[in-house]
């Protein structure tokens, strides 16, 4: 049954339809939770993009996030926004046990490691956003304008990324 659900929603959750703020893993989880247990995930999770975009830093970073997504979508290789799935990938993605259900016979997914890939984990992106938000907040608190704080926070994040890529 869950495999049928995955096949049904697969066209709606691709790298081309993904949007960091409007159509992401939280939306998929919401659909999956409704299917599996008949309950939605907490509304506060689904409202996070609106909360973020209602802040000064969210309004400043919103356009940059859109440009980031576009760039990642058009990067060759595996991107942070996903990859094409081979036939049978849906079956491979189904975990062996879900909440005490019997073994579904799926194989564990293999992690892909790509050297010099343009991919970034969602954890890396979250760390970057937290770092940008913290720097932005500190600069605003010290009297910088929104434009100055945004520019300085983005420059600091860029420098941090450059330092990591040299490792």
Protein backbone atom coordinates (compact mmCIF):
# COMPACT_ATOMS: atom_id res chain seq x y z
CA UNK A 1 0.00 0.00 0.00
CA UNK A 2 2.73 2.47 0.93
CA UNK A 3 4.50 1.66 -2.34
CA UNK A 4 1.34 2.63 -4.21
CA UNK A 5 1.26 5.89 -2.26
CA UNK A 6 4.91 6.58 -3.17
CA UNK A 7 4.22 5.89 -6.84
CA UNK A 8 1.24 8.25 -6.72
CA UNK A 9 3.11 11.18 -5.14
CA UNK A 10 6.45 10.65 -6.91
CA UNK A 11 5.59 13.02 -9.82
CA UNK A 12 4.78 15.80 -7.32
CA UNK A 13 8.09 15.46 -5.44
CA UNK A 14 10.92 15.78 -7.91
CA UNK A 15 13.96 18.03 -8.15
CA UNK A 16 12.01 20.18 -10.61
CA UNK A 17 9.00 20.66 -8.32
CA UNK A 18 11.02 21.13 -5.13
CA UNK A 19 10.95 24.54 -3.49
CA UNK A 20 12.87 25.13 -0.28
CA UNK A 21 10.08 27.21 1.21
CA UNK A 22 6.85 26.13 -0.49
CA UNK A 23 7.13 22.49 -1.63
CA UNK A 24 9.65 20.55 0.43
CA UNK A 25 10.16 17.57 2.72
CA UNK A 26 7.65 18.98 5.20
CA UNK A 27 4.93 18.89 2.55
CA UNK A 28 5.84 15.31 1.62
CA UNK A 29 5.87 14.33 5.30
CA UNK A 30 2.44 15.92 5.72
CA UNK A 31 1.02 13.82 2.88
CA UNK A 32 2.75 10.66 4.11
CA UNK A 33 1.53 11.19 7.68
CA UNK A 34 -2.05 11.65 6.49
CA UNK A 35 -1.76 8.46 4.45
CA UNK A 36 -0.08 6.39 7.17
CA UNK A 37 -1.76 7.56 10.37
CA UNK A 38 -4.57 9.87 9.27
CA UNK A 39 -3.03 12.85 11.06
CA UNK A 40 -1.15 15.82 9.72
CA UNK A 41 2.18 17.03 11.04
CA UNK A 42 1.99 20.06 13.35
CA UNK A 43 0.78 23.18 11.56
CA UNK A 44 3.68 25.16 13.04
CA UNK A 45 6.05 23.06 10.92
CA UNK A 46 4.08 23.79 7.76
CA UNK A 47 3.96 27.48 8.70
CA UNK A 48 7.76 27.81 9.13
CA UNK A 49 8.33 29.26 5.64
CA UNK A 50 5.74 32.00 6.26
CA UNK A 51 7.24 32.74 9.67
CA UNK A 52 10.74 32.92 8.15
CA UNK A 53 9.61 35.12 5.25
CA UNK A 54 7.82 37.48 7.62
CA UNK A 55 11.12 38.35 9.31
CA UNK A 56 13.49 41.00 8.09
CA UNK A 57 16.20 38.43 7.33
CA UNK A 58 13.64 36.21 5.56
CA UNK A 59 12.58 39.07 3.29
CA UNK A 60 16.21 39.87 2.56
CA UNK A 61 17.23 36.25 1.90
CA UNK A 62 14.08 35.11 0.06
CA UNK A 63 15.27 36.20 -3.40
CA UNK A 64 18.74 34.76 -2.77
CA UNK A 65 17.23 31.38 -1.86
CA UNK A 66 15.28 31.41 -5.12
CA UNK A 67 18.44 32.10 -7.10
CA UNK A 68 20.25 29.36 -5.17
CA UNK A 69 17.53 26.85 -6.07
CA UNK A 70 17.67 27.83 -9.75
CA UNK A 71 21.45 27.43 -9.81
CA UNK A 72 21.29 24.05 -8.09
CA UNK A 73 18.59 22.87 -10.50
CA UNK A 74 20.82 23.61 -13.48
CA UNK A 75 24.04 22.16 -12.05
CA UNK A 76 25.29 18.95 -13.60
CA UNK A 77 25.46 15.88 -11.41
CA UNK A 78 23.63 15.24 -8.20
CA UNK A 79 22.32 18.41 -6.67
CA UNK A 80 20.97 19.41 -3.31
CA UNK A 81 17.53 19.28 -4.89
CA UNK A 82 17.59 15.60 -5.73
CA UNK A 83 18.32 13.31 -8.59
CA UNK A 84 16.48 11.24 -11.15
CA UNK A 85 15.27 7.93 -9.80
CA UNK A 86 15.94 4.72 -11.63
CA UNK A 87 13.10 2.24 -12.07
CA UNK A 88 12.59 0.41 -8.80
CA UNK A 89 13.99 3.26 -6.72
CA UNK A 90 10.65 3.73 -5.02
CA UNK A 91 10.75 0.13 -3.83
CA UNK A 92 14.33 0.57 -2.62
CA UNK A 93 13.29 3.64 -0.64
CA UNK A 94 10.69 1.81 1.42
CA UNK A 95 12.21 1.00 4.82
CA UNK A 96 12.24 -2.62 5.98
CA UNK A 97 10.17 -1.89 9.05
CA UNK A 98 7.76 0.95 9.60
CA UNK A 99 6.35 1.34 13.09
CA UNK A 100 6.43 -2.38 13.83
CA UNK A 101 5.01 -3.51 10.48
CA UNK A 102 6.37 -6.77 9.05
CA UNK A 103 9.44 -6.81 6.81
CA UNK A 104 8.54 -5.30 3.44
CA UNK A 105 11.53 -6.86 1.68
CA UNK A 106 13.21 -3.63 0.59
CA UNK A 107 16.96 -3.28 0.33
CA UNK A 108 18.70 -0.51 2.29
CA UNK A 109 19.54 2.56 0.24
CA UNK A 110 23.16 3.17 -0.54
CA UNK A 111 24.68 6.55 0.18
CA UNK A 112 26.24 8.23 -2.84
CA UNK A 113 29.55 9.96 -2.35
CA UNK A 114 30.56 12.28 -5.13
CA UNK A 115 33.82 14.16 -5.22
CA UNK A 116 33.55 17.82 -6.17
CA UNK A 117 29.79 17.55 -6.47
CA UNK A 118 27.60 20.62 -6.28
CA UNK A 119 25.45 18.95 -3.67
CA UNK A 120 24.92 20.14 -0.16
CA UNK A 121 23.05 18.35 2.56
CA UNK A 122 20.00 19.93 4.09
CA UNK A 123 22.02 20.04 7.32
CA UNK A 124 24.73 22.10 5.60
CA UNK A 125 22.12 24.48 4.21
CA UNK A 126 20.45 24.79 7.62
CA UNK A 127 23.83 25.58 9.24
CA UNK A 128 24.49 28.23 6.61
CA UNK A 129 21.08 29.83 7.11
CA UNK A 130 21.60 29.84 10.90
CA UNK A 131 25.03 31.42 10.46
CA UNK A 132 23.66 34.06 8.09
CA UNK A 133 20.76 34.78 10.46
CA UNK A 134 23.07 35.10 13.46
CA UNK A 135 25.50 37.41 11.66
CA UNK A 136 22.60 39.45 10.29
CA UNK A 137 21.04 39.79 13.74
CA UNK A 138 24.30 40.83 15.37
CA UNK A 139 24.93 43.47 12.72
CA UNK A 140 21.36 44.82 12.92
CA UNK A 141 21.66 45.00 16.72
CA UNK A 142 24.85 47.03 16.32
CA UNK A 143 23.05 49.56 14.10
CA UNK A 144 23.74 48.34 10.56
CA UNK A 145 21.05 48.85 7.92
CA UNK A 146 19.20 45.83 6.53
CA UNK A 147 21.14 46.11 3.27
CA UNK A 148 24.51 46.37 5.05
CA UNK A 149 23.71 43.50 7.43
CA UNK A 150 22.49 41.27 4.57
CA UNK A 151 25.55 41.97 2.42
CA UNK A 152 27.97 41.37 5.30
CA UNK A 153 26.19 38.18 6.42
CA UNK A 154 26.22 36.77 2.89
CA UNK A 155 29.88 37.69 2.43
CA UNK A 156 30.77 35.95 5.70
CA UNK A 157 28.84 32.83 4.59
CA UNK A 158 30.59 32.88 1.21
CA UNK A 159 33.98 33.12 2.93
CA UNK A 160 33.06 30.25 5.24
CA UNK A 161 32.06 28.10 2.25
CA UNK A 162 35.29 28.96 0.44
CA UNK A 163 37.33 27.99 3.50
CA UNK A 164 35.48 24.64 3.75
CA UNK A 165 35.98 23.87 0.06
CA UNK A 166 39.74 24.36 0.45
CA UNK A 167 39.86 21.54 3.01
